[in-house]
Amino acid sequence: MALIVVAVCPLGAQQLLDRIVARVNGEVISLTDLKAAVALGVVEGPAGADETAAIEGLIDRQLVLAEVARFAPPEPAPADVARETAALTVRVGSGLAAMMESTGVDEVRIRDIARDNLRIQAYLNQRFGATVQITEEEVARYYRIHPDEFTRDGILIPFTQAEPVARERAGAERRASTVAQWMHDVRSRAEITRPISPPATPPAR
């Protein structure tokens, strides 16, 4: 689950004109936040015509960060933060300078986002475990219902050979389902509003 919230620095008149795309327990998520998050790869979905997926990702991230603040996991090591920061900037590539100028996200803020990313990972691992114990039947069921994942050159790999990968993926699937249910519960307790977007301006004739 891609769950990072991006808070940009004030940008004067530009910030005043920024469109609000959601409010989460009173905290604003702006269009600029959305564009920065998509550019950095911390949420999925284009910040364009259909922003829904990216907005929902930022809403989830805001809620998870609030949980992280309540039950603070150990602080990530500086070397880990540096690696995560590098990964974020590589994701943007040659457009980094333009993204920073248009959103107000600076190098310090990118490091903060990287730190949040690691803190969220640590919190989820602490709460739900990095791995999930599953039964042999669950492993076999995953193998049976996902034959495409275990087919090579048109031949289904025998279960005895596929079992380690099937176990890993079945565990990841169950963990994702558990986290999704928890996220649903967190959302049900939150106050979330999504302002109605203004109608698109028709093209000039």
C-alpha atoms as a PDB file:
ATOM      1  CA  MET A   1       0.000   0.000   0.000  1.00  0.00           C
ATOM      2  CA  ALA A   2       1.515   3.323  -1.179  1.00  0.00           C
ATOM      3  CA  LEU A   3       0.700   5.594   2.067  1.00  0.00           C
ATOM      4  CA  ILE A   4       2.728   8.871   2.302  1.00  0.00           C
ATOM      5  CA  VAL A   5       1.204  12.269   2.966  1.00  0.00           C
ATOM      6  CA  VAL A   6       3.004  15.303   1.570  1.00  0.00           C
ATOM      7  CA  ALA A   7       2.708  18.694   3.271  1.00  0.00           C
ATOM      8  CA  VAL A   8       4.156  21.485   1.176  1.00  0.00           C
ATOM      9  CA  CYS A   9       5.604  24.758   2.352  1.00  0.00           C
ATOM     10  CA  PRO A  10       3.561  27.980   1.980  1.00  0.00           C
ATOM     11  CA  LEU A  11       3.919  29.542  -1.435  1.00  0.00           C
ATOM     12  CA  GLY A  12       2.262  32.919  -0.984  1.00  0.00           C
ATOM     13  CA  ALA A  13      -0.265  33.726  -3.675  1.00  0.00           C
ATOM     14  CA  GLN A  14       0.207  30.322  -5.324  1.00  0.00           C
ATOM     15  CA  GLN A  15      -0.753  28.585  -2.073  1.00  0.00           C
ATOM     16  CA  LEU A  16      -3.790  30.839  -1.649  1.00  0.00           C
ATOM     17  CA  LEU A  17      -5.050  29.733  -5.049  1.00  0.00           C
ATOM     18  CA  ASP A  18      -4.395  26.051  -4.353  1.00  0.00           C
ATOM     19  CA  ARG A  19      -7.452  23.842  -4.633  1.00  0.00           C
ATOM     20  CA  ILE A  20      -8.437  21.735  -1.626  1.00  0.00           C
ATOM     21  CA  VAL A  21      -9.014  18.133  -2.694  1.00  0.00           C
ATOM     22  CA  ALA A  22      -9.841  16.694   0.752  1.00  0.00           C
ATOM     23  CA  ARG A  23      -9.962  17.367   4.478  1.00  0.00           C
ATOM     24  CA  VAL A  24      -9.030  14.646   6.977  1.00  0.00           C
ATOM     25  CA  ASN A  25      -9.995  15.387  10.579  1.00  0.00           C
ATOM     26  CA  GLY A  26      -9.641  19.067   9.755  1.00  0.00           C
ATOM     27  CA  GLU A  27      -6.274  18.726   8.001  1.00  0.00           C
ATOM     28  CA  VAL A  28      -6.216  19.991   4.419  1.00  0.00           C
ATOM     29  CA  ILE A  29      -4.900  18.032   1.448  1.00  0.00           C
ATOM     30  CA  SER A  30      -4.311  20.389  -1.464  1.00  0.00           C
ATOM     31  CA  LEU A  31      -3.900  19.875  -5.176  1.00  0.00           C
ATOM     32  CA  THR A  32      -0.243  20.824  -4.770  1.00  0.00           C
ATOM     33  CA  ASP A  33       0.154  18.083  -2.152  1.00  0.00           C
ATOM     34  CA  LEU A  34      -1.415  15.679  -4.611  1.00  0.00           C
ATOM     35  CA  LYS A  35       0.897  16.627  -7.473  1.00  0.00           C
ATOM     36  CA  ALA A  36       3.989  16.299  -5.286  1.00  0.00           C
ATOM     37  CA  ALA A  37       2.887  12.926  -3.930  1.00  0.00           C
ATOM     38  CA  VAL A  38       2.254  11.540  -7.409  1.00  0.00           C
ATOM     39  CA  ALA A  39       5.562  12.881  -8.733  1.00  0.00           C
ATOM     40  CA  LEU A  40       7.485  11.310  -5.842  1.00  0.00           C
ATOM     41  CA  GLY A  41       5.680   8.021  -6.315  1.00  0.00           C
ATOM     42  CA  VAL A  42       4.288   7.927  -2.785  1.00  0.00           C
ATOM     43  CA  VAL A  43       0.738   7.458  -4.060  1.00  0.00           C
ATOM     44  CA  GLU A  44      -0.457   5.848  -7.264  1.00  0.00           C
ATOM     45  CA  GLY A  45      -2.539   7.527  -9.904  1.00  0.00           C
ATOM     46  CA  PRO A  46      -2.126  10.508 -12.193  1.00  0.00           C
ATOM     47  CA  ALA A  47      -2.816  13.957 -10.790  1.00  0.00           C
ATOM     48  CA  GLY A  48      -4.874  14.731 -13.851  1.00  0.00           C
ATOM     49  CA  ALA A  49      -8.373  14.129 -15.083  1.00  0.00           C
ATOM     50  CA  ASP A  50      -9.116  11.329 -12.607  1.00  0.00           C
ATOM     51  CA  GLU A  51      -7.448  12.115  -9.295  1.00  0.00           C
ATOM     52  CA  THR A  52      -9.593   9.783  -7.203  1.00  0.00           C
ATOM     53  CA  ALA A  53      -7.062   7.014  -6.574  1.00  0.00           C
ATOM     54  CA  ALA A  54      -4.289   9.424  -5.634  1.00  0.00           C
ATOM     55  CA  ILE A  55      -6.574  11.444  -3.341  1.00  0.00           C
ATOM     56  CA  GLU A  56      -7.739   8.308  -1.552  1.00  0.00           C
ATOM     57  CA  GLY A  57      -4.117   7.265  -1.145  1.00  0.00           C
ATOM     58  CA  LEU A  58      -3.276  10.584   0.496  1.00  0.00           C
ATOM     59  CA  ILE A  59      -6.302  10.314   2.767  1.00  0.00           C
ATOM     60  CA  ASP A  60      -5.152   6.877   3.901  1.00  0.00           C
ATOM     61  CA  ARG A  61      -1.632   8.193   4.422  1.00  0.00           C
ATOM     62  CA  GLN A  62      -2.842  11.082   6.560  1.00  0.00           C
ATOM     63  CA  LEU A  63      -4.787   8.676   8.751  1.00  0.00           C
ATOM     64  CA  VAL A  64      -1.895   6.242   9.109  1.00  0.00           C
ATOM     65  CA  LEU A  65       0.520   9.034  10.005  1.00  0.00           C
ATOM     66  CA  ALA A  66      -1.872  10.074  12.771  1.00  0.00           C
ATOM     67  CA  GLU A  67      -1.702   6.510  14.113  1.00  0.00           C
ATOM     68  CA  VAL A  68       2.090   6.578  13.852  1.00  0.00           C
ATOM     69  CA  ALA A  69       2.133   9.776  15.917  1.00  0.00           C
ATOM     70  CA  ARG A  70       0.090   8.059  18.636  1.00  0.00           C
ATOM     71  CA  PHE A  71       2.215   4.903  18.795  1.00  0.00           C
ATOM     72  CA  ALA A  72       5.627   6.128  17.696  1.00  0.00           C
ATOM     73  CA  PRO A  73       7.817   3.328  16.297  1.00  0.00           C
ATOM     74  CA  PRO A  74      11.628   3.502  16.653  1.00  0.00           C
ATOM     75  CA  GLU A  75      13.239   6.314  14.696  1.00  0.00           C
ATOM     76  CA  PRO A  76      14.721   5.119  11.372  1.00  0.00           C
ATOM     77  CA  ALA A  77      18.494   5.145  11.014  1.00  0.00           C
ATOM     78  CA  PRO A  78      19.960   8.153   9.149  1.00  0.00           C
ATOM     79  CA  ALA A  79      21.469   5.828   6.517  1.00  0.00           C
ATOM     80  CA  ASP A  80      18.042   4.314   5.854  1.00  0.00           C
ATOM     81  CA  VAL A  81      16.510   7.775   5.513  1.00  0.00           C
ATOM     82  CA  ALA A  82      19.249   8.747   3.063  1.00  0.00           C
ATOM     83  CA  ARG A  83      18.569   5.665   0.928  1.00  0.00           C
ATOM     84  CA  GLU A  84      14.824   6.293   0.942  1.00  0.00           C
ATOM     85  CA  THR A  85      15.395   9.947   0.037  1.00  0.00           C
ATOM     86  CA  ALA A  86      17.551   8.906  -2.907  1.00  0.00           C
ATOM     87  CA  ALA A  87      14.872   6.467  -4.057  1.00  0.00           C
ATOM     88  CA  LEU A  88      12.244   9.227  -4.024  1.00  0.00           C
ATOM     89  CA  THR A  89      14.387  11.637  -6.031  1.00  0.00           C
ATOM     90  CA  VAL A  90      15.301   8.929  -8.554  1.00  0.00           C
ATOM     91  CA  ARG A  91      11.582   8.319  -9.052  1.00  0.00           C
ATOM     92  CA  VAL A  92      11.124  11.930 -10.189  1.00  0.00           C
ATOM     93  CA  GLY A  93      14.235  11.849 -12.384  1.00  0.00           C
ATOM     94  CA  SER A  94      15.042  14.852 -14.531  1.00  0.00           C
ATOM     95  CA  GLY A  95      11.807  16.549 -13.500  1.00  0.00           C
ATOM     96  CA  LEU A  96      12.944  16.984  -9.882  1.00  0.00           C
ATOM     97  CA  ALA A  97      13.832  20.679 -10.116  1.00  0.00           C
ATOM     98  CA  ALA A  98      10.583  21.536 -11.892  1.00  0.00           C
ATOM     99  CA  MET A  99       8.553  19.546  -9.369  1.00  0.00           C
ATOM    100  CA  MET A 100      10.253  21.290  -6.438  1.00  0.00           C
ATOM    101  CA  GLU A 101       9.643  24.706  -7.978  1.00  0.00           C
ATOM    102  CA  SER A 102       5.982  24.058  -8.783  1.00  0.00           C
ATOM    103  CA  THR A 103       5.061  22.453  -5.450  1.00  0.00           C
ATOM    104  CA  GLY A 104       7.372  24.139  -2.947  1.00  0.00           C
ATOM    105  CA  VAL A 105       8.713  20.776  -1.777  1.00  0.00           C
ATOM    106  CA  ASP A 106      12.401  21.261  -0.952  1.00  0.00           C
ATOM    107  CA  GLU A 107      15.211  18.824  -0.108  1.00  0.00           C
ATOM    108  CA  VAL A 108      14.439  18.972   3.607  1.00  0.00           C
ATOM    109  CA  ARG A 109      10.794  18.133   2.965  1.00  0.00           C
ATOM    110  CA  ILE A 110      11.746  15.216   0.716  1.00  0.00           C
ATOM    111  CA  ARG A 111      13.889  13.845   3.565  1.00  0.00           C
ATOM    112  CA  ASP A 112      10.935  14.266   5.912  1.00  0.00           C
ATOM    113  CA  ILE A 113       8.720  12.342   3.483  1.00  0.00           C
ATOM    114  CA  ALA A 114      11.336   9.590   3.281  1.00  0.00           C
ATOM    115  CA  ARG A 115      11.465   9.442   7.081  1.00  0.00           C
ATOM    116  CA  ASP A 116       7.668   9.220   7.267  1.00  0.00           C
ATOM    117  CA  ASN A 117       7.729   6.425   4.716  1.00  0.00           C
ATOM    118  CA  LEU A 118      10.079   4.379   6.897  1.00  0.00           C
ATOM    119  CA  ARG A 119       8.176   5.173  10.098  1.00  0.00           C
ATOM    120  CA  ILE A 120       4.952   3.952   8.509  1.00  0.00           C
ATOM    121  CA  GLN A 121       6.610   0.733   7.349  1.00  0.00           C
ATOM    122  CA  ALA A 122       7.976   0.167  10.855  1.00  0.00           C
ATOM    123  CA  TYR A 123       4.582   0.859  12.426  1.00  0.00           C
ATOM    124  CA  LEU A 124       2.751  -1.552  10.131  1.00  0.00           C
ATOM    125  CA  ASN A 125       5.389  -4.232  10.729  1.00  0.00           C
ATOM    126  CA  GLN A 126       5.137  -3.651  14.467  1.00  0.00           C
ATOM    127  CA  ARG A 127       1.358  -3.826  14.459  1.00  0.00           C
ATOM    128  CA  PHE A 128       0.767  -6.575  11.898  1.00  0.00           C
ATOM    129  CA  GLY A 129       4.126  -8.315  11.678  1.00  0.00           C
ATOM    130  CA  ALA A 130       6.550  -8.258   8.772  1.00  0.00           C
ATOM    131  CA  THR A 131       5.404 -11.765   7.856  1.00  0.00           C
ATOM    132  CA  VAL A 132       2.203 -13.696   8.539  1.00  0.00           C
ATOM    133  CA  GLN A 133       1.989 -17.309   9.676  1.00  0.00           C
ATOM    134  CA  ILE A 134      -0.353 -19.259   7.409  1.00  0.00           C
ATOM    135  CA  THR A 135      -1.496 -22.863   7.202  1.00  0.00           C
ATOM    136  CA  GLU A 136      -0.442 -25.461   4.670  1.00  0.00           C
ATOM    137  CA  GLU A 137      -3.971 -25.432   3.267  1.00  0.00           C
ATOM    138  CA  GLU A 138      -3.771 -21.677   2.658  1.00  0.00           C
ATOM    139  CA  VAL A 139      -0.511 -22.159   0.777  1.00  0.00           C
ATOM    140  CA  ALA A 140      -1.997 -24.942  -1.344  1.00  0.00           C
ATOM    141  CA  ARG A 141      -5.125 -22.878  -2.012  1.00  0.00           C
ATOM    142  CA  TYR A 142      -3.054 -19.935  -3.215  1.00  0.00           C
ATOM    143  CA  TYR A 143      -1.183 -22.237  -5.584  1.00  0.00           C
ATOM    144  CA  ARG A 144      -4.421 -23.670  -6.941  1.00  0.00           C
ATOM    145  CA  ILE A 145      -6.192 -20.376  -7.594  1.00  0.00           C
ATOM    146  CA  HIS A 146      -3.147 -18.548  -9.067  1.00  0.00           C
ATOM    147  CA  PRO A 147      -1.844 -21.015 -11.673  1.00  0.00           C
ATOM    148  CA  ASP A 148      -0.610 -18.227 -13.959  1.00  0.00           C
ATOM    149  CA  GLU A 149       1.924 -17.189 -11.325  1.00  0.00           C
ATOM    150  CA  PHE A 150       3.471 -20.651 -11.329  1.00  0.00           C
ATOM    151  CA  THR A 151       3.462 -21.412 -15.037  1.00  0.00           C
ATOM    152  CA  ARG A 152       6.700 -21.271 -17.008  1.00  0.00           C
ATOM    153  CA  ASP A 153       6.781 -21.805 -20.760  1.00  0.00           C
ATOM    154  CA  GLY A 154       3.249 -23.152 -20.639  1.00  0.00           C
ATOM    155  CA  ILE A 155       4.034 -25.739 -17.945  1.00  0.00           C
ATOM    156  CA  LEU A 156       2.689 -25.550 -14.385  1.00  0.00           C
ATOM    157  CA  ILE A 157       5.526 -25.806 -11.853  1.00  0.00           C
ATOM    158  CA  PRO A 158       4.948 -28.681  -9.376  1.00  0.00           C
ATOM    159  CA  PHE A 159       3.680 -27.566  -5.988  1.00  0.00           C
ATOM    160  CA  THR A 160       6.773 -28.931  -4.242  1.00  0.00           C
ATOM    161  CA  GLN A 161       8.910 -26.492  -6.220  1.00  0.00           C
ATOM    162  CA  ALA A 162       6.464 -23.589  -6.077  1.00  0.00           C
ATOM    163  CA  GLU A 163       5.668 -23.934  -2.360  1.00  0.00           C
ATOM    164  CA  PRO A 164       8.178 -21.339  -1.007  1.00  0.00           C
ATOM    165  CA  VAL A 165       6.934 -18.632  -3.380  1.00  0.00           C
ATOM    166  CA  ALA A 166       3.294 -19.628  -2.853  1.00  0.00           C
ATOM    167  CA  ARG A 167       3.792 -19.395   0.918  1.00  0.00           C
ATOM    168  CA  GLU A 168       5.370 -15.955   0.682  1.00  0.00           C
ATOM    169  CA  ARG A 169       2.670 -14.590  -1.606  1.00  0.00           C
ATOM    170  CA  ALA A 170      -0.187 -16.138   0.348  1.00  0.00           C
ATOM    171  CA  GLY A 171       1.179 -14.554   3.514  1.00  0.00           C
ATOM    172  CA  ALA A 172       1.546 -11.180   1.815  1.00  0.00           C
ATOM    173  CA  GLU A 173      -2.010 -11.427   0.492  1.00  0.00           C
ATOM    174  CA  ARG A 174      -3.420 -12.177   3.944  1.00  0.00           C
ATOM    175  CA  ARG A 175      -1.399  -9.395   5.546  1.00  0.00           C
ATOM    176  CA  ALA A 176      -2.648  -6.946   2.908  1.00  0.00           C
ATOM    177  CA  SER A 177      -6.223  -8.038   3.597  1.00  0.00           C
ATOM    178  CA  THR A 178      -5.733  -7.543   7.346  1.00  0.00           C
ATOM    179  CA  VAL A 179      -4.229  -4.084   6.843  1.00  0.00           C
ATOM    180  CA  ALA A 180      -7.055  -3.137   4.461  1.00  0.00           C
ATOM    181  CA  GLN A 181      -9.674  -4.106   7.046  1.00  0.00           C
ATOM    182  CA  TRP A 182      -7.851  -2.102   9.707  1.00  0.00           C
ATOM    183  CA  MET A 183      -7.672   0.854   7.322  1.00  0.00           C
ATOM    184  CA  HIS A 184     -11.419   0.563   6.744  1.00  0.00           C
ATOM    185  CA  ASP A 185     -11.980   0.738  10.508  1.00  0.00           C
ATOM    186  CA  VAL A 186      -9.682   3.762  10.850  1.00  0.00           C
ATOM    187  CA  ARG A 187     -11.560   5.532   8.059  1.00  0.00           C
ATOM    188  CA  SER A 188     -14.907   4.792   9.704  1.00  0.00           C
ATOM    189  CA  ARG A 189     -13.799   6.772  12.774  1.00  0.00           C
ATOM    190  CA  ALA A 190     -12.411   9.706  10.803  1.00  0.00           C
ATOM    191  CA  GLU A 191     -14.039  12.862   9.499  1.00  0.00           C
ATOM    192  CA  ILE A 192     -13.277  12.952   5.792  1.00  0.00           C
ATOM    193  CA  THR A 193     -14.666  15.486   3.340  1.00  0.00           C
ATOM    194  CA  ARG A 194     -13.991  15.872  -0.352  1.00  0.00           C
ATOM    195  CA  PRO A 195     -14.959  19.310  -1.702  1.00  0.00           C
ATOM    196  CA  ILE A 196     -16.788  19.236  -5.000  1.00  0.00           C
ATOM    197  CA  SER A 197     -14.427  20.129  -7.822  1.00  0.00           C
ATOM    198  CA  PRO A 198     -15.389  23.168  -9.910  1.00  0.00           C
ATOM    199  CA  PRO A 199     -16.719  22.305 -13.362  1.00  0.00           C
ATOM    200  CA  ALA A 200     -14.106  22.171 -16.079  1.00  0.00           C
ATOM    201  CA  THR A 201     -13.813  25.300 -18.209  1.00  0.00           C
ATOM    202  CA  PRO A 202     -14.970  24.522 -21.753  1.00  0.00           C
ATOM    203  CA  PRO A 203     -12.300  25.007 -24.424  1.00  0.00           C
ATOM    204  CA  ALA A 204     -12.301  28.323 -26.258  1.00  0.00           C
ATOM    205  CA  ARG A 205     -13.828  28.295 -29.720  1.00  0.00           C
END
